[in-house]
Amino acid sequence: MAKTQLNVRVDEDTARAARERALARGMSVNRYIEELVKQDAGELGHTFVEAAADFMKQYESVFAEEFGSEREGGRPLREGSRPVREGRR
């Protein structure tokens, strides 16, 4: 992959910390910063999953009412791969 140069200005303490952490991990400062950015960018996916889980929890009763009651083990009633709707087939 082609590389692009990116120049940033940070205070001396931040620069020192970046150098020390990169050295401790056995990588260059460039690679260390690149990894940090990739990790941070990956957080978007985690944030989405957490938001979706919160949504499902908030509306759990609505889904249970629409798609059927829960059976033993906390799993919804299903027929094949589709949810069973009470009163409808």
N, C-alpha and C. Protein backbone atom coordinates (compact mmCIF):
# COMPACT_ATOMS: atom_id res chain seq x y z
N MET A 1 0.85 -1.17 0.00
CA MET A 1 0.00 0.00 0.00
C MET A 1 0.89 1.23 0.00
N ALA A 2 0.50 2.21 -0.80
CA ALA A 2 1.26 3.45 -0.86
C ALA A 2 1.14 4.20 0.46
N LYS A 3 2.19 4.87 0.82
CA LYS A 3 2.22 5.63 2.07
C LYS A 3 2.13 7.11 1.77
N THR A 4 1.49 7.84 2.66
CA THR A 4 1.39 9.29 2.58
C THR A 4 2.01 9.87 3.83
N GLN A 5 2.78 10.90 3.64
CA GLN A 5 3.42 11.54 4.79
C GLN A 5 2.43 12.46 5.47
N LEU A 6 2.40 12.38 6.79
CA LEU A 6 1.52 13.21 7.60
C LEU A 6 2.37 13.83 8.70
N ASN A 7 2.39 15.15 8.75
CA ASN A 7 3.17 15.83 9.77
C ASN A 7 2.22 16.36 10.85
N VAL A 8 2.54 16.07 12.09
CA VAL A 8 1.72 16.56 13.20
C VAL A 8 2.62 17.22 14.22
N ARG A 9 2.06 18.14 14.97
CA ARG A 9 2.80 18.80 16.04
C ARG A 9 2.16 18.40 17.36
N VAL A 10 2.99 17.92 18.27
CA VAL A 10 2.53 17.55 19.61
C VAL A 10 3.50 18.13 20.62
N ASP A 11 3.05 18.23 21.87
CA ASP A 11 3.97 18.74 22.89
C ASP A 11 5.04 17.67 23.19
N GLU A 12 6.10 18.08 23.84
CA GLU A 12 7.24 17.20 24.08
C GLU A 12 6.85 15.97 24.91
N ASP A 13 5.97 16.14 25.87
CA ASP A 13 5.56 14.98 26.69
C ASP A 13 4.83 13.93 25.85
N THR A 14 3.99 14.39 24.95
CA THR A 14 3.28 13.46 24.06
C THR A 14 4.25 12.76 23.12
N ALA A 15 5.20 13.51 22.58
CA ALA A 15 6.21 12.92 21.69
C ALA A 15 7.04 11.89 22.43
N ARG A 16 7.43 12.21 23.65
CA ARG A 16 8.22 11.28 24.47
C ARG A 16 7.42 10.01 24.74
N ALA A 17 6.16 10.19 25.11
CA ALA A 17 5.31 9.03 25.40
C ALA A 17 5.15 8.15 24.16
N ALA A 18 4.97 8.76 23.00
CA ALA A 18 4.83 7.99 21.76
C ALA A 18 6.11 7.21 21.46
N ARG A 19 7.25 7.85 21.62
CA ARG A 19 8.53 7.16 21.39
C ARG A 19 8.72 6.00 22.35
N GLU A 20 8.42 6.23 23.63
CA GLU A 20 8.60 5.18 24.65
C GLU A 20 7.66 4.00 24.40
N ARG A 21 6.43 4.29 24.08
CA ARG A 21 5.46 3.21 23.86
C ARG A 21 5.79 2.43 22.59
N ALA A 22 6.21 3.14 21.55
CA ALA A 22 6.60 2.46 20.32
C ALA A 22 7.80 1.56 20.57
N LEU A 23 8.79 2.08 21.30
CA LEU A 23 9.98 1.29 21.61
C LEU A 23 9.61 0.06 22.43
N ALA A 24 8.74 0.24 23.41
CA ALA A 24 8.31 -0.88 24.26
C ALA A 24 7.61 -1.97 23.46
N ARG A 25 6.97 -1.57 22.38
CA ARG A 25 6.26 -2.54 21.52
C ARG A 25 7.13 -3.04 20.38
N GLY A 26 8.34 -2.51 20.29
CA GLY A 26 9.26 -2.96 19.24
C GLY A 26 8.87 -2.48 17.86
N MET A 27 8.32 -1.29 17.78
CA MET A 27 7.93 -0.76 16.47
C MET A 27 8.34 0.70 16.35
N SER A 28 8.28 1.19 15.13
CA SER A 28 8.60 2.60 14.91
C SER A 28 7.47 3.48 15.43
N VAL A 29 7.77 4.74 15.63
CA VAL A 29 6.73 5.69 16.03
C VAL A 29 5.67 5.78 14.94
N ASN A 30 6.11 5.78 13.68
CA ASN A 30 5.15 5.81 12.58
C ASN A 30 4.16 4.64 12.67
N ARG A 31 4.70 3.45 12.85
CA ARG A 31 3.84 2.26 12.93
C ARG A 31 2.93 2.33 14.16
N TYR A 32 3.47 2.80 15.27
CA TYR A 32 2.69 2.93 16.50
C TYR A 32 1.50 3.88 16.28
N ILE A 33 1.74 5.03 15.69
CA ILE A 33 0.67 6.00 15.43
C ILE A 33 -0.34 5.41 14.44
N GLU A 34 0.16 4.74 13.42
CA GLU A 34 -0.72 4.11 12.44
C GLU A 34 -1.65 3.10 13.12
N GLU A 35 -1.11 2.29 14.01
CA GLU A 35 -1.91 1.30 14.74
C GLU A 35 -2.95 1.97 15.63
N LEU A 36 -2.56 3.06 16.29
CA LEU A 36 -3.52 3.78 17.14
C LEU A 36 -4.70 4.30 16.33
N VAL A 37 -4.40 4.86 15.15
CA VAL A 37 -5.47 5.40 14.31
C VAL A 37 -6.38 4.27 13.82
N LYS A 38 -5.79 3.14 13.42
CA LYS A 38 -6.60 2.01 12.97
C LYS A 38 -7.48 1.49 14.10
N GLN A 39 -6.95 1.42 15.31
CA GLN A 39 -7.75 0.98 16.45
C GLN A 39 -8.90 1.94 16.70
N ASP A 40 -8.60 3.22 16.65
CA ASP A 40 -9.63 4.23 16.88
C ASP A 40 -10.70 4.17 15.80
N ALA A 41 -10.31 3.99 14.57
CA ALA A 41 -11.27 3.88 13.48
C ALA A 41 -12.14 2.64 13.65
N GLY A 42 -11.58 1.58 14.19
CA GLY A 42 -12.34 0.36 14.45
C GLY A 42 -13.37 0.52 15.55
N GLU A 43 -13.20 1.53 16.39
CA GLU A 43 -14.15 1.77 17.47
C GLU A 43 -15.53 2.11 16.94
N LEU A 44 -15.60 2.66 15.72
CA LEU A 44 -16.89 3.00 15.14
C LEU A 44 -17.77 1.75 15.05
N GLY A 45 -17.19 0.66 14.63
CA GLY A 45 -17.94 -0.60 14.56
C GLY A 45 -18.41 -1.05 15.93
N HIS A 46 -17.54 -0.94 16.93
CA HIS A 46 -17.92 -1.33 18.29
C HIS A 46 -19.03 -0.43 18.82
N THR A 47 -18.94 0.85 18.52
CA THR A 47 -19.96 1.80 18.97
C THR A 47 -21.31 1.45 18.35
N PHE A 48 -21.31 1.08 17.07
CA PHE A 48 -22.55 0.70 16.41
C PHE A 48 -23.16 -0.53 17.07
N VAL A 49 -22.35 -1.54 17.33
CA VAL A 49 -22.85 -2.77 17.93
C VAL A 49 -23.41 -2.49 19.32
N GLU A 50 -22.73 -1.67 20.10
CA GLU A 50 -23.22 -1.31 21.43
C GLU A 50 -24.54 -0.56 21.34
N ALA A 51 -24.66 0.36 20.39
CA ALA A 51 -25.91 1.10 20.22
C ALA A 51 -27.04 0.17 19.80
N ALA A 52 -26.74 -0.77 18.92
CA ALA A 52 -27.76 -1.74 18.49
C ALA A 52 -28.21 -2.61 19.67
N ALA A 53 -27.26 -3.04 20.49
CA ALA A 53 -27.60 -3.85 21.67
C ALA A 53 -28.47 -3.05 22.64
N ASP A 54 -28.14 -1.78 22.84
CA ASP A 54 -28.96 -0.93 23.71
C ASP A 54 -30.36 -0.77 23.14
N PHE A 55 -30.47 -0.59 21.84
CA PHE A 55 -31.76 -0.46 21.19
C PHE A 55 -32.59 -1.73 21.40
N MET A 56 -31.97 -2.88 21.17
CA MET A 56 -32.69 -4.15 21.34
C MET A 56 -33.15 -4.33 22.78
N LYS A 57 -32.32 -3.96 23.72
CA LYS A 57 -32.69 -4.09 25.12
C LYS A 57 -33.86 -3.16 25.45
N GLN A 58 -33.79 -1.94 24.94
CA GLN A 58 -34.84 -0.96 25.21
C GLN A 58 -36.18 -1.41 24.64
N TYR A 59 -36.17 -2.04 23.47
CA TYR A 59 -37.41 -2.43 22.80
C TYR A 59 -37.66 -3.94 22.85
N GLU A 60 -37.02 -4.62 23.78
CA GLU A 60 -37.16 -6.07 23.91
C GLU A 60 -38.62 -6.49 24.06
N SER A 61 -39.36 -5.79 24.89
CA SER A 61 -40.76 -6.16 25.12
C SER A 61 -41.60 -5.97 23.85
N VAL A 62 -41.30 -4.97 23.07
CA VAL A 62 -42.03 -4.74 21.82
C VAL A 62 -41.77 -5.88 20.85
N PHE A 63 -40.50 -6.29 20.73
CA PHE A 63 -40.16 -7.41 19.85
C PHE A 63 -40.80 -8.70 20.34
N ALA A 64 -40.78 -8.92 21.64
CA ALA A 64 -41.39 -10.14 22.21
C ALA A 64 -42.88 -10.17 21.92
N GLU A 65 -43.53 -9.03 22.05
CA GLU A 65 -44.97 -8.96 21.78
C GLU A 65 -45.26 -9.23 20.30
N GLU A 66 -44.44 -8.67 19.44
CA GLU A 66 -44.67 -8.80 17.99
C GLU A 66 -44.32 -10.19 17.47
N PHE A 67 -43.21 -10.75 17.96
CA PHE A 67 -42.69 -11.99 17.38
C PHE A 67 -42.91 -13.22 18.25
N GLY A 68 -43.58 -13.09 19.36
CA GLY A 68 -43.89 -14.26 20.17
C GLY A 68 -43.24 -14.22 21.53
N SER A 69 -43.69 -15.12 22.37
CA SER A 69 -43.16 -15.19 23.74
C SER A 69 -41.86 -15.95 23.76
N GLU A 70 -41.20 -15.90 24.88
CA GLU A 70 -39.93 -16.61 25.02
C GLU A 70 -40.17 -18.00 25.59
N ARG A 71 -39.36 -18.93 25.14
CA ARG A 71 -39.44 -20.28 25.66
C ARG A 71 -38.31 -20.49 26.65
N GLU A 72 -38.22 -21.66 27.21
CA GLU A 72 -37.18 -21.99 28.17
C GLU A 72 -35.81 -21.71 27.57
N GLY A 73 -34.92 -21.10 28.34
CA GLY A 73 -33.58 -20.76 27.86
C GLY A 73 -33.50 -19.36 27.30
N GLY A 74 -34.61 -18.64 27.31
CA GLY A 74 -34.59 -17.25 26.89
C GLY A 74 -34.53 -17.02 25.39
N ARG A 75 -34.75 -18.10 24.60
CA ARG A 75 -34.71 -17.93 23.15
C ARG A 75 -36.12 -17.80 22.62
N PRO A 76 -36.36 -16.92 21.64
CA PRO A 76 -37.70 -16.74 21.11
C PRO A 76 -38.19 -17.98 20.39
N LEU A 77 -39.51 -18.18 20.39
CA LEU A 77 -40.09 -19.28 19.65
C LEU A 77 -39.86 -19.05 18.16
N ARG A 78 -39.48 -20.10 17.46
CA ARG A 78 -39.22 -19.98 16.02
C ARG A 78 -39.72 -21.22 15.30
N GLU A 79 -40.06 -21.03 14.06
CA GLU A 79 -40.42 -22.14 13.20
C GLU A 79 -39.53 -22.00 11.97
N GLY A 80 -38.61 -22.91 11.77
CA GLY A 80 -37.63 -22.75 10.71
C GLY A 80 -36.70 -21.61 11.08
N SER A 81 -36.44 -20.71 10.16
CA SER A 81 -35.55 -19.59 10.46
C SER A 81 -36.31 -18.29 10.68
N ARG A 82 -37.65 -18.34 10.64
CA ARG A 82 -38.46 -17.13 10.81
C ARG A 82 -39.13 -17.13 12.18
N PRO A 83 -39.29 -15.98 12.79
CA PRO A 83 -39.99 -15.90 14.07
C PRO A 83 -41.47 -16.31 13.91
N VAL A 84 -42.01 -16.94 14.93
CA VAL A 84 -43.41 -17.31 14.94
C VAL A 84 -44.20 -16.14 15.50
N ARG A 85 -45.15 -15.67 14.77
CA ARG A 85 -46.00 -14.57 15.26
C ARG A 85 -47.28 -15.19 15.79
N GLU A 86 -47.61 -14.82 16.98
CA GLU A 86 -48.80 -15.38 17.61
C GLU A 86 -50.03 -14.97 16.83
N GLY A 87 -50.90 -15.96 16.54
CA GLY A 87 -52.13 -15.67 15.85
C GLY A 87 -51.97 -15.57 14.34
N ARG A 88 -50.73 -15.67 13.84
CA ARG A 88 -50.49 -15.57 12.40
C ARG A 88 -49.54 -16.67 11.98
N ARG A 89 -49.68 -17.11 10.76
CA ARG A 89 -48.74 -18.09 10.19
C ARG A 89 -48.51 -17.80 8.76
